[in-house]
């Protein structure tokens, strides 16, 4: 039972799932109804069976149906004054680049997880909920790795989330990334089709490997500019697998700069000398159809200044070498 010191536990609640909430995962449903309760606690009570759906135990991945009755155990919900998800995170309001009544897009900074979990108590979505306590609904449409910056789409209505997920499923949502890869890029665009499988290493570290029995994955790399020891590319995702860009780049022998999991340690050390302090991967564009108006929305955000400075430093080194 999660009860802060000096607080009394609240009572068991039974919540009816309406049509607007149908289709979402039970863990996300609980996070919205238990604002201020850490994700680790939510997963713990799910594992223990303290949360019930129609009197039965459910895994965190269970998707709710209209008419389900969810038993929520007596977990203390922190008040607005006690809620701390925004501490150490940027003001999300300052990162919003597009918003209407159904959705919003933020320019996520590198170094911040999109949600809590795996040893991280709070992420961007928890911070946004804390900074907008009156918002009835806020859910991630997709995810970005913690060290990836750029466009992150968030739904403000359950109906919008369903429609946007359908666009993802049908390949109707377009996402583009800028990345710095090791070495010269020869030739034009390159299409990589290599199936991916998630694995777990000791200590719980998640890695993804090329595996013919894995899930289909397709990435298209478009060359942008040459920077001597590295090349800037524009990347088009045809599928959205975990770590897809990073694994496919390593697979073709040109890993991402700053990638400590799949990259080249020597190349990464060299890039640090040019000022790189993070993964050089930026989601610079997202395009989708607005579920409410059927308008095509195209949002783009420029490279962060710290990545621009790395390119400038590389170019200066190339110029000095040629002089």
C-alpha atoms as a PDB file:
ATOM      1  CA  UNK A   1       0.000   0.000   0.000  1.00  0.00           C
ATOM      2  CA  UNK A   2       1.518   3.350  -1.062  1.00  0.00           C
ATOM      3  CA  UNK A   3       0.724   5.858   1.701  1.00  0.00           C
ATOM      4  CA  UNK A   4       2.995   8.859   2.335  1.00  0.00           C
ATOM      5  CA  UNK A   5       3.900   9.542   5.971  1.00  0.00           C
ATOM      6  CA  UNK A   6       1.114  11.189   7.924  1.00  0.00           C
ATOM      7  CA  UNK A   7      -1.567  10.268   5.392  1.00  0.00           C
ATOM      8  CA  UNK A   8      -4.479   7.879   5.709  1.00  0.00           C
ATOM      9  CA  UNK A   9      -5.155   5.409   2.927  1.00  0.00           C
ATOM     10  CA  UNK A  10      -8.122   6.100   0.672  1.00  0.00           C
ATOM     11  CA  UNK A  11     -10.799   3.466   0.080  1.00  0.00           C
ATOM     12  CA  UNK A  12     -11.032   0.847  -2.649  1.00  0.00           C
ATOM     13  CA  UNK A  13     -12.591   2.254  -5.815  1.00  0.00           C
ATOM     14  CA  UNK A  14     -14.462   0.503  -8.603  1.00  0.00           C
ATOM     15  CA  UNK A  15     -14.302   2.416 -11.878  1.00  0.00           C
ATOM     16  CA  UNK A  16     -16.492   1.679 -14.902  1.00  0.00           C
ATOM     17  CA  UNK A  17     -14.610   1.899 -18.215  1.00  0.00           C
ATOM     18  CA  UNK A  18     -16.422   4.025 -20.771  1.00  0.00           C
ATOM     19  CA  UNK A  19     -16.133   4.039 -24.558  1.00  0.00           C
ATOM     20  CA  UNK A  20     -13.631   6.898 -24.464  1.00  0.00           C
ATOM     21  CA  UNK A  21     -11.249   4.864 -22.282  1.00  0.00           C
ATOM     22  CA  UNK A  22     -11.658   1.538 -24.076  1.00  0.00           C
ATOM     23  CA  UNK A  23      -8.578   0.172 -25.811  1.00  0.00           C
ATOM     24  CA  UNK A  24      -5.958   1.627 -23.485  1.00  0.00           C
ATOM     25  CA  UNK A  25      -3.595  -0.450 -21.383  1.00  0.00           C
ATOM     26  CA  UNK A  26      -4.494  -1.034 -17.767  1.00  0.00           C
ATOM     27  CA  UNK A  27      -1.161   0.410 -16.523  1.00  0.00           C
ATOM     28  CA  UNK A  28      -1.766   3.689 -18.379  1.00  0.00           C
ATOM     29  CA  UNK A  29      -5.360   3.774 -17.105  1.00  0.00           C
ATOM     30  CA  UNK A  30      -4.112   3.416 -13.522  1.00  0.00           C
ATOM     31  CA  UNK A  31      -1.423   6.077 -13.999  1.00  0.00           C
ATOM     32  CA  UNK A  32      -4.132   8.572 -14.946  1.00  0.00           C
ATOM     33  CA  UNK A  33      -6.411   7.642 -12.052  1.00  0.00           C
ATOM     34  CA  UNK A  34      -3.528   7.537  -9.559  1.00  0.00           C
ATOM     35  CA  UNK A  35      -1.653  10.744 -10.300  1.00  0.00           C
ATOM     36  CA  UNK A  36       1.319  11.033  -7.990  1.00  0.00           C
ATOM     37  CA  UNK A  37       1.725   7.277  -7.454  1.00  0.00           C
ATOM     38  CA  UNK A  38       5.061   5.990  -8.897  1.00  0.00           C
ATOM     39  CA  UNK A  39       4.860   3.616 -11.844  1.00  0.00           C
ATOM     40  CA  UNK A  40       6.862   1.071  -9.853  1.00  0.00           C
ATOM     41  CA  UNK A  41       4.028   0.927  -7.308  1.00  0.00           C
ATOM     42  CA  UNK A  42       1.425   0.546 -10.053  1.00  0.00           C
ATOM     43  CA  UNK A  43       3.282  -2.407 -11.572  1.00  0.00           C
ATOM     44  CA  UNK A  44       3.730  -3.949  -8.114  1.00  0.00           C
ATOM     45  CA  UNK A  45       0.016  -3.926  -7.292  1.00  0.00           C
ATOM     46  CA  UNK A  46      -0.740  -5.342 -10.749  1.00  0.00           C
ATOM     47  CA  UNK A  47       1.700  -8.212 -10.167  1.00  0.00           C
ATOM     48  CA  UNK A  48       0.212  -8.888  -6.751  1.00  0.00           C
ATOM     49  CA  UNK A  49      -3.319  -8.987  -8.131  1.00  0.00           C
ATOM     50  CA  UNK A  50      -4.493  -6.044  -6.020  1.00  0.00           C
ATOM     51  CA  UNK A  51      -5.890  -4.490  -9.192  1.00  0.00           C
ATOM     52  CA  UNK A  52      -8.784  -6.467 -10.673  1.00  0.00           C
ATOM     53  CA  UNK A  53     -10.713  -6.143 -13.914  1.00  0.00           C
ATOM     54  CA  UNK A  54     -14.140  -7.775 -13.717  1.00  0.00           C
ATOM     55  CA  UNK A  55     -12.839  -9.557 -10.581  1.00  0.00           C
ATOM     56  CA  UNK A  56      -9.877 -11.074 -12.462  1.00  0.00           C
ATOM     57  CA  UNK A  57      -6.133 -10.391 -12.421  1.00  0.00           C
ATOM     58  CA  UNK A  58      -4.628  -8.707 -15.474  1.00  0.00           C
ATOM     59  CA  UNK A  59      -1.148  -8.067 -16.841  1.00  0.00           C
ATOM     60  CA  UNK A  60       0.004  -4.455 -17.464  1.00  0.00           C
ATOM     61  CA  UNK A  61      -0.437  -5.022 -21.233  1.00  0.00           C
ATOM     62  CA  UNK A  62      -4.169  -5.813 -20.909  1.00  0.00           C
ATOM     63  CA  UNK A  63      -6.279  -3.462 -23.018  1.00  0.00           C
ATOM     64  CA  UNK A  64      -9.493  -2.342 -21.381  1.00  0.00           C
ATOM     65  CA  UNK A  65     -12.927  -2.789 -22.954  1.00  0.00           C
ATOM     66  CA  UNK A  66     -15.997  -0.614 -22.604  1.00  0.00           C
ATOM     67  CA  UNK A  67     -18.019  -1.919 -19.673  1.00  0.00           C
ATOM     68  CA  UNK A  68     -15.025  -3.323 -17.769  1.00  0.00           C
ATOM     69  CA  UNK A  69     -15.063  -2.661 -14.034  1.00  0.00           C
ATOM     70  CA  UNK A  70     -11.633  -1.891 -12.570  1.00  0.00           C
ATOM     71  CA  UNK A  71     -10.933  -2.386  -8.878  1.00  0.00           C
ATOM     72  CA  UNK A  72      -8.362   0.193  -7.770  1.00  0.00           C
ATOM     73  CA  UNK A  73      -6.763  -0.611  -4.386  1.00  0.00           C
ATOM     74  CA  UNK A  74      -6.326   1.999  -1.612  1.00  0.00           C
ATOM     75  CA  UNK A  75      -3.241   3.817  -2.885  1.00  0.00           C
ATOM     76  CA  UNK A  76      -2.697   7.353  -1.687  1.00  0.00           C
ATOM     77  CA  UNK A  77      -2.910   9.832  -4.579  1.00  0.00           C
ATOM     78  CA  UNK A  78      -0.576  12.733  -3.955  1.00  0.00           C
ATOM     79  CA  UNK A  79      -2.085  16.198  -3.888  1.00  0.00           C
ATOM     80  CA  UNK A  80      -0.956  18.785  -6.408  1.00  0.00           C
ATOM     81  CA  UNK A  81       1.377  20.282  -3.797  1.00  0.00           C
ATOM     82  CA  UNK A  82       3.017  16.904  -3.118  1.00  0.00           C
ATOM     83  CA  UNK A  83       3.332  15.805  -6.727  1.00  0.00           C
ATOM     84  CA  UNK A  84       6.953  16.014  -7.895  1.00  0.00           C
ATOM     85  CA  UNK A  85       7.114  14.535 -11.413  1.00  0.00           C
ATOM     86  CA  UNK A  86       8.247  17.873 -12.902  1.00  0.00           C
ATOM     87  CA  UNK A  87      11.340  18.171 -10.708  1.00  0.00           C
ATOM     88  CA  UNK A  88      14.482  17.837 -12.851  1.00  0.00           C
ATOM     89  CA  UNK A  89      12.431  17.899 -16.058  1.00  0.00           C
ATOM     90  CA  UNK A  90      11.961  20.856 -18.419  1.00  0.00           C
ATOM     91  CA  UNK A  91       8.729  22.830 -18.323  1.00  0.00           C
ATOM     92  CA  UNK A  92       6.764  20.916 -20.924  1.00  0.00           C
ATOM     93  CA  UNK A  93       4.758  24.025 -21.787  1.00  0.00           C
ATOM     94  CA  UNK A  94       7.996  25.566 -23.055  1.00  0.00           C
ATOM     95  CA  UNK A  95       8.655  22.655 -25.433  1.00  0.00           C
ATOM     96  CA  UNK A  96       5.237  22.547 -27.151  1.00  0.00           C
ATOM     97  CA  UNK A  97       5.532  23.290 -30.879  1.00  0.00           C
ATOM     98  CA  UNK A  98       1.949  22.448 -31.951  1.00  0.00           C
ATOM     99  CA  UNK A  99      -1.328  22.046 -30.075  1.00  0.00           C
ATOM    100  CA  UNK A 100      -5.066  21.877 -30.665  1.00  0.00           C
ATOM    101  CA  UNK A 101      -7.989  20.476 -28.682  1.00  0.00           C
ATOM    102  CA  UNK A 102      -7.149  16.863 -29.597  1.00  0.00           C
ATOM    103  CA  UNK A 103      -3.362  16.559 -29.464  1.00  0.00           C
ATOM    104  CA  UNK A 104      -0.054  18.292 -28.993  1.00  0.00           C
ATOM    105  CA  UNK A 105       3.527  17.894 -30.212  1.00  0.00           C
ATOM    106  CA  UNK A 106       6.543  18.697 -28.046  1.00  0.00           C
ATOM    107  CA  UNK A 107      10.212  19.084 -28.945  1.00  0.00           C
ATOM    108  CA  UNK A 108      11.541  16.604 -26.388  1.00  0.00           C
ATOM    109  CA  UNK A 109      15.039  17.372 -25.096  1.00  0.00           C
ATOM    110  CA  UNK A 110      17.659  14.632 -25.040  1.00  0.00           C
ATOM    111  CA  UNK A 111      18.278  12.946 -21.702  1.00  0.00           C
ATOM    112  CA  UNK A 112      14.662  12.713 -20.562  1.00  0.00           C
ATOM    113  CA  UNK A 113      12.611   9.518 -20.679  1.00  0.00           C
ATOM    114  CA  UNK A 114       9.134   9.785 -22.186  1.00  0.00           C
ATOM    115  CA  UNK A 115       7.636   7.908 -19.208  1.00  0.00           C
ATOM    116  CA  UNK A 116       8.630   6.466 -15.861  1.00  0.00           C
ATOM    117  CA  UNK A 117       9.778   2.884 -15.424  1.00  0.00           C
ATOM    118  CA  UNK A 118      12.974   0.794 -15.554  1.00  0.00           C
ATOM    119  CA  UNK A 119      14.494   2.664 -12.628  1.00  0.00           C
ATOM    120  CA  UNK A 120      13.187   6.078 -13.735  1.00  0.00           C
ATOM    121  CA  UNK A 121      10.502   7.398 -11.392  1.00  0.00           C
ATOM    122  CA  UNK A 122       9.035  10.024 -13.719  1.00  0.00           C
ATOM    123  CA  UNK A 123       9.226  10.979 -17.375  1.00  0.00           C
ATOM    124  CA  UNK A 124       7.916  13.604 -19.761  1.00  0.00           C
ATOM    125  CA  UNK A 125       4.309  12.361 -19.720  1.00  0.00           C
ATOM    126  CA  UNK A 126       4.184  12.362 -15.899  1.00  0.00           C
ATOM    127  CA  UNK A 127       5.664  15.858 -15.848  1.00  0.00           C
ATOM    128  CA  UNK A 128       3.069  17.080 -18.337  1.00  0.00           C
ATOM    129  CA  UNK A 129       0.240  15.614 -16.279  1.00  0.00           C
ATOM    130  CA  UNK A 130       1.647  17.269 -13.157  1.00  0.00           C
ATOM    131  CA  UNK A 131       1.955  20.612 -14.939  1.00  0.00           C
ATOM    132  CA  UNK A 132      -1.608  20.302 -16.298  1.00  0.00           C
ATOM    133  CA  UNK A 133      -3.492  18.836 -13.316  1.00  0.00           C
ATOM    134  CA  UNK A 134      -6.903  19.759 -14.772  1.00  0.00           C
ATOM    135  CA  UNK A 135      -6.303  17.961 -18.082  1.00  0.00           C
ATOM    136  CA  UNK A 136      -8.709  14.993 -18.237  1.00  0.00           C
ATOM    137  CA  UNK A 137      -6.575  12.938 -20.626  1.00  0.00           C
ATOM    138  CA  UNK A 138      -2.939  12.936 -21.750  1.00  0.00           C
ATOM    139  CA  UNK A 139      -1.340   9.859 -23.338  1.00  0.00           C
ATOM    140  CA  UNK A 140       1.754   9.159 -25.445  1.00  0.00           C
ATOM    141  CA  UNK A 141       0.959   8.287 -29.063  1.00  0.00           C
ATOM    142  CA  UNK A 142       4.453   6.869 -29.638  1.00  0.00           C
ATOM    143  CA  UNK A 143       7.822   6.863 -27.884  1.00  0.00           C
ATOM    144  CA  UNK A 144      11.341   8.196 -28.285  1.00  0.00           C
ATOM    145  CA  UNK A 145      14.449   6.784 -26.657  1.00  0.00           C
ATOM    146  CA  UNK A 146      15.626   8.731 -23.635  1.00  0.00           C
ATOM    147  CA  UNK A 147      18.674  10.154 -25.454  1.00  0.00           C
ATOM    148  CA  UNK A 148      16.758  11.012 -28.649  1.00  0.00           C
ATOM    149  CA  UNK A 149      15.438  14.549 -29.029  1.00  0.00           C
ATOM    150  CA  UNK A 150      12.656  15.910 -31.213  1.00  0.00           C
ATOM    151  CA  UNK A 151       8.996  15.536 -32.127  1.00  0.00           C
ATOM    152  CA  UNK A 152       6.873  13.616 -29.623  1.00  0.00           C
ATOM    153  CA  UNK A 153       3.113  13.327 -30.222  1.00  0.00           C
ATOM    154  CA  UNK A 154       0.678  13.266 -27.285  1.00  0.00           C
ATOM    155  CA  UNK A 155      -3.097  12.708 -27.452  1.00  0.00           C
ATOM    156  CA  UNK A 156      -5.509  14.799 -25.374  1.00  0.00           C
ATOM    157  CA  UNK A 157      -8.512  12.567 -26.101  1.00  0.00           C
ATOM    158  CA  UNK A 158      -8.941   8.810 -26.123  1.00  0.00           C
ATOM    159  CA  UNK A 159     -10.647   8.981 -29.531  1.00  0.00           C
ATOM    160  CA  UNK A 160      -7.642  10.869 -30.933  1.00  0.00           C
ATOM    161  CA  UNK A 161      -5.251   8.270 -29.509  1.00  0.00           C
ATOM    162  CA  UNK A 162      -7.164   5.435 -31.181  1.00  0.00           C
ATOM    163  CA  UNK A 163      -7.187   7.232 -34.540  1.00  0.00           C
ATOM    164  CA  UNK A 164      -3.479   8.103 -34.364  1.00  0.00           C
ATOM    165  CA  UNK A 165      -2.570   4.543 -33.366  1.00  0.00           C
ATOM    166  CA  UNK A 166      -4.510   3.343 -36.409  1.00  0.00           C
ATOM    167  CA  UNK A 167      -2.436   5.680 -38.602  1.00  0.00           C
ATOM    168  CA  UNK A 168       0.715   4.189 -37.090  1.00  0.00           C
ATOM    169  CA  UNK A 169      -0.536   0.658 -37.675  1.00  0.00           C
ATOM    170  CA  UNK A 170      -1.376   1.380 -41.327  1.00  0.00           C
ATOM    171  CA  UNK A 171       1.871   3.239 -42.005  1.00  0.00           C
ATOM    172  CA  UNK A 172       0.061   6.550 -42.563  1.00  0.00           C
ATOM    173  CA  UNK A 173       2.092   8.514 -40.013  1.00  0.00           C
ATOM    174  CA  UNK A 174       5.472   9.708 -41.277  1.00  0.00           C
ATOM    175  CA  UNK A 175       8.483  10.335 -39.023  1.00  0.00           C
ATOM    176  CA  UNK A 176      11.924  11.577 -40.083  1.00  0.00           C
ATOM    177  CA  UNK A 177      15.150  11.700 -38.091  1.00  0.00           C
ATOM    178  CA  UNK A 178      18.562  13.322 -38.475  1.00  0.00           C
ATOM    179  CA  UNK A 179      21.539  11.250 -37.356  1.00  0.00           C
ATOM    180  CA  UNK A 180      25.320  11.451 -37.567  1.00  0.00           C
ATOM    181  CA  UNK A 181      26.899   8.178 -38.732  1.00  0.00           C
ATOM    182  CA  UNK A 182      30.483   6.972 -38.715  1.00  0.00           C
ATOM    183  CA  UNK A 183      32.482   7.393 -41.925  1.00  0.00           C
ATOM    184  CA  UNK A 184      31.791   8.608 -45.448  1.00  0.00           C
ATOM    185  CA  UNK A 185      28.446   7.868 -47.088  1.00  0.00           C
ATOM    186  CA  UNK A 186      28.867   6.416 -50.555  1.00  0.00           C
ATOM    187  CA  UNK A 187      26.075   6.592 -53.098  1.00  0.00           C
ATOM    188  CA  UNK A 188      22.513   7.783 -52.648  1.00  0.00           C
ATOM    189  CA  UNK A 189      19.658   6.598 -50.418  1.00  0.00           C
ATOM    190  CA  UNK A 190      19.949   3.140 -48.902  1.00  0.00           C
ATOM    191  CA  UNK A 191      17.024   0.941 -47.867  1.00  0.00           C
ATOM    192  CA  UNK A 192      17.675  -1.471 -45.001  1.00  0.00           C
ATOM    193  CA  UNK A 193      15.281  -4.372 -44.454  1.00  0.00           C
ATOM    194  CA  UNK A 194      16.395  -6.514 -41.536  1.00  0.00           C
ATOM    195  CA  UNK A 195      14.100  -8.148 -38.993  1.00  0.00           C
ATOM    196  CA  UNK A 196      14.654  -7.280 -35.333  1.00  0.00           C
ATOM    197  CA  UNK A 197      14.214  -9.225 -32.114  1.00  0.00           C
ATOM    198  CA  UNK A 198      14.312  -7.913 -28.548  1.00  0.00           C
ATOM    199  CA  UNK A 199      16.546  -9.706 -26.081  1.00  0.00           C
ATOM    200  CA  UNK A 200      17.429  -9.324 -22.419  1.00  0.00           C
ATOM    201  CA  UNK A 201      20.966  -9.365 -21.091  1.00  0.00           C
ATOM    202  CA  UNK A 202      22.030  -9.978 -17.510  1.00  0.00           C
ATOM    203  CA  UNK A 203      21.069  -7.111 -15.272  1.00  0.00           C
ATOM    204  CA  UNK A 204      17.895  -6.484 -17.246  1.00  0.00           C
ATOM    205  CA  UNK A 205      19.550  -4.413 -19.986  1.00  0.00           C
ATOM    206  CA  UNK A 206      17.402  -4.460 -23.101  1.00  0.00           C
ATOM    207  CA  UNK A 207      19.098  -4.975 -26.444  1.00  0.00           C
ATOM    208  CA  UNK A 208      17.783  -5.558 -29.949  1.00  0.00           C
ATOM    209  CA  UNK A 209      19.437  -7.872 -32.476  1.00  0.00           C
ATOM    210  CA  UNK A 210      19.128  -8.614 -36.176  1.00  0.00           C
ATOM    211  CA  UNK A 211      17.228 -11.909 -36.349  1.00  0.00           C
ATOM    212  CA  UNK A 212      15.472 -13.453 -39.338  1.00  0.00           C
ATOM    213  CA  UNK A 213      12.777 -14.746 -36.971  1.00  0.00           C
ATOM    214  CA  UNK A 214      12.167 -11.303 -35.480  1.00  0.00           C
ATOM    215  CA  UNK A 215       9.711  -8.587 -36.492  1.00  0.00           C
ATOM    216  CA  UNK A 216       9.944  -6.985 -39.922  1.00  0.00           C
ATOM    217  CA  UNK A 217      11.770  -3.639 -39.879  1.00  0.00           C
ATOM    218  CA  UNK A 218      12.536  -1.197 -42.678  1.00  0.00           C
ATOM    219  CA  UNK A 219      14.614   1.983 -42.610  1.00  0.00           C
ATOM    220  CA  UNK A 220      15.619   4.313 -45.455  1.00  0.00           C
ATOM    221  CA  UNK A 221      18.794   6.396 -45.041  1.00  0.00           C
ATOM    222  CA  UNK A 222      19.103   9.573 -47.173  1.00  0.00           C
ATOM    223  CA  UNK A 223      22.518  11.297 -47.245  1.00  0.00           C
ATOM    224  CA  UNK A 224      22.465  14.992 -46.288  1.00  0.00           C
ATOM    225  CA  UNK A 225      26.042  16.224 -45.818  1.00  0.00           C
ATOM    226  CA  UNK A 226      29.611  15.014 -45.409  1.00  0.00           C
ATOM    227  CA  UNK A 227      31.591  16.063 -42.323  1.00  0.00           C
ATOM    228  CA  UNK A 228      34.905  14.317 -42.791  1.00  0.00           C
ATOM    229  CA  UNK A 229      34.955  11.424 -40.345  1.00  0.00           C
ATOM    230  CA  UNK A 230      31.143  11.326 -40.173  1.00  0.00           C
ATOM    231  CA  UNK A 231      28.061  11.786 -42.349  1.00  0.00           C
ATOM    232  CA  UNK A 232      24.744  13.450 -41.582  1.00  0.00           C
ATOM    233  CA  UNK A 233      21.756  11.464 -42.862  1.00  0.00           C
ATOM    234  CA  UNK A 234      18.008  11.966 -42.959  1.00  0.00           C
ATOM    235  CA  UNK A 235      16.240   8.780 -41.896  1.00  0.00           C
ATOM    236  CA  UNK A 236      12.773   7.638 -42.899  1.00  0.00           C
ATOM    237  CA  UNK A 237      11.132   4.967 -40.760  1.00  0.00           C
ATOM    238  CA  UNK A 238       8.812   2.550 -42.497  1.00  0.00           C
ATOM    239  CA  UNK A 239       8.307   0.566 -39.290  1.00  0.00           C
ATOM    240  CA  UNK A 240       8.678   1.652 -35.679  1.00  0.00           C
ATOM    241  CA  UNK A 241      10.626  -1.044 -33.850  1.00  0.00           C
ATOM    242  CA  UNK A 242      12.559  -0.458 -30.638  1.00  0.00           C
ATOM    243  CA  UNK A 243      16.087   0.891 -31.362  1.00  0.00           C
ATOM    244  CA  UNK A 244      15.454   0.336 -35.062  1.00  0.00           C
ATOM    245  CA  UNK A 245      17.576   3.189 -36.413  1.00  0.00           C
ATOM    246  CA  UNK A 246      20.500   2.446 -34.116  1.00  0.00           C
ATOM    247  CA  UNK A 247      20.573  -1.292 -34.875  1.00  0.00           C
ATOM    248  CA  UNK A 248      20.120  -0.854 -38.639  1.00  0.00           C
ATOM    249  CA  UNK A 249      22.879   1.783 -38.755  1.00  0.00           C
ATOM    250  CA  UNK A 250      25.261  -0.540 -36.916  1.00  0.00           C
ATOM    251  CA  UNK A 251      24.168  -3.404 -39.205  1.00  0.00           C
ATOM    252  CA  UNK A 252      25.368  -1.553 -42.324  1.00  0.00           C
ATOM    253  CA  UNK A 253      28.673  -0.697 -40.638  1.00  0.00           C
ATOM    254  CA  UNK A 254      27.959   2.981 -39.937  1.00  0.00           C
ATOM    255  CA  UNK A 255      26.827   3.252 -36.307  1.00  0.00           C
ATOM    256  CA  UNK A 256      25.429   6.412 -34.766  1.00  0.00           C
ATOM    257  CA  UNK A 257      27.710   8.912 -33.080  1.00  0.00           C
ATOM    258  CA  UNK A 258      27.310   8.749 -29.307  1.00  0.00           C
ATOM    259  CA  UNK A 259      25.562   5.368 -29.320  1.00  0.00           C
ATOM    260  CA  UNK A 260      27.009   3.580 -26.293  1.00  0.00           C
ATOM    261  CA  UNK A 261      24.905   0.449 -26.745  1.00  0.00           C
ATOM    262  CA  UNK A 262      25.267  -0.409 -30.438  1.00  0.00           C
ATOM    263  CA  UNK A 263      27.989   1.997 -31.543  1.00  0.00           C
ATOM    264  CA  UNK A 264      31.764   2.066 -31.974  1.00  0.00           C
ATOM    265  CA  UNK A 265      33.579   3.047 -28.725  1.00  0.00           C
ATOM    266  CA  UNK A 266      36.585   4.488 -30.603  1.00  0.00           C
ATOM    267  CA  UNK A 267      34.336   6.572 -32.862  1.00  0.00           C
ATOM    268  CA  UNK A 268      32.365   7.766 -29.836  1.00  0.00           C
ATOM    269  CA  UNK A 269      35.543   8.879 -28.072  1.00  0.00           C
ATOM    270  CA  UNK A 270      36.574  10.767 -31.184  1.00  0.00           C
ATOM    271  CA  UNK A 271      33.193  12.467 -31.372  1.00  0.00           C
ATOM    272  CA  UNK A 272      33.511  13.556 -27.729  1.00  0.00           C
ATOM    273  CA  UNK A 273      36.658  15.413 -28.738  1.00  0.00           C
ATOM    274  CA  UNK A 274      34.458  17.357 -31.159  1.00  0.00           C
ATOM    275  CA  UNK A 275      32.052  18.254 -28.364  1.00  0.00           C
ATOM    276  CA  UNK A 276      29.411  15.502 -28.648  1.00  0.00           C
ATOM    277  CA  UNK A 277      27.937  14.689 -25.240  1.00  0.00           C
ATOM    278  CA  UNK A 278      24.860  12.689 -26.268  1.00  0.00           C
ATOM    279  CA  UNK A 279      23.413  10.372 -28.895  1.00  0.00           C
ATOM    280  CA  UNK A 280      23.312  12.212 -32.231  1.00  0.00           C
ATOM    281  CA  UNK A 281      19.718  11.331 -33.134  1.00  0.00           C
ATOM    282  CA  UNK A 282      16.954  13.915 -33.557  1.00  0.00           C
ATOM    283  CA  UNK A 283      13.322  13.340 -34.617  1.00  0.00           C
ATOM    284  CA  UNK A 284      13.048  16.451 -36.768  1.00  0.00           C
ATOM    285  CA  UNK A 285       9.681  15.853 -38.490  1.00  0.00           C
ATOM    286  CA  UNK A 286       6.344  14.150 -37.925  1.00  0.00           C
ATOM    287  CA  UNK A 287       3.376  14.176 -40.308  1.00  0.00           C
ATOM    288  CA  UNK A 288      -0.100  12.792 -39.607  1.00  0.00           C
ATOM    289  CA  UNK A 289      -3.786  13.447 -40.228  1.00  0.00           C
ATOM    290  CA  UNK A 290      -5.623  15.389 -37.526  1.00  0.00           C
ATOM    291  CA  UNK A 291      -8.386  13.001 -36.326  1.00  0.00           C
ATOM    292  CA  UNK A 292     -10.801  15.874 -35.780  1.00  0.00           C
ATOM    293  CA  UNK A 293     -10.428  17.873 -38.988  1.00  0.00           C
ATOM    294  CA  UNK A 294      -8.769  15.445 -41.456  1.00  0.00           C
ATOM    295  CA  UNK A 295      -6.154  18.156 -42.108  1.00  0.00           C
ATOM    296  CA  UNK A 296      -2.608  16.934 -42.728  1.00  0.00           C
ATOM    297  CA  UNK A 297      -0.402  18.227 -39.930  1.00  0.00           C
ATOM    298  CA  UNK A 298       3.333  18.523 -40.575  1.00  0.00           C
ATOM    299  CA  UNK A 299       5.511  19.563 -37.638  1.00  0.00           C
ATOM    300  CA  UNK A 300       9.265  20.053 -37.900  1.00  0.00           C
ATOM    301  CA  UNK A 301      11.853  21.127 -35.330  1.00  0.00           C
ATOM    302  CA  UNK A 302      15.495  22.092 -36.040  1.00  0.00           C
ATOM    303  CA  UNK A 303      18.576  20.346 -34.737  1.00  0.00           C
ATOM    304  CA  UNK A 304      19.350  21.373 -31.150  1.00  0.00           C
ATOM    305  CA  UNK A 305      22.157  23.904 -30.797  1.00  0.00           C
ATOM    306  CA  UNK A 306      24.498  21.386 -29.149  1.00  0.00           C
ATOM    307  CA  UNK A 307      24.290  19.147 -32.234  1.00  0.00           C
ATOM    308  CA  UNK A 308      24.744  22.060 -34.635  1.00  0.00           C
ATOM    309  CA  UNK A 309      27.927  22.996 -32.771  1.00  0.00           C
ATOM    310  CA  UNK A 310      29.288  19.457 -33.269  1.00  0.00           C
ATOM    311  CA  UNK A 311      28.765  19.742 -37.042  1.00  0.00           C
ATOM    312  CA  UNK A 312      30.409  23.182 -37.084  1.00  0.00           C
ATOM    313  CA  UNK A 313      33.411  21.814 -35.154  1.00  0.00           C
ATOM    314  CA  UNK A 314      33.730  18.875 -37.547  1.00  0.00           C
ATOM    315  CA  UNK A 315      33.579  21.207 -40.559  1.00  0.00           C
ATOM    316  CA  UNK A 316      36.210  23.483 -39.053  1.00  0.00           C
ATOM    317  CA  UNK A 317      38.496  20.479 -38.577  1.00  0.00           C
ATOM    318  CA  UNK A 318      37.990  19.410 -42.212  1.00  0.00           C
ATOM    319  CA  UNK A 319      38.769  22.937 -43.433  1.00  0.00           C
ATOM    320  CA  UNK A 320      41.911  23.112 -41.309  1.00  0.00           C
ATOM    321  CA  UNK A 321      43.096  19.757 -42.666  1.00  0.00           C
ATOM    322  CA  UNK A 322      42.665  20.929 -46.271  1.00  0.00           C
ATOM    323  CA  UNK A 323      44.440  24.249 -45.717  1.00  0.00           C
END
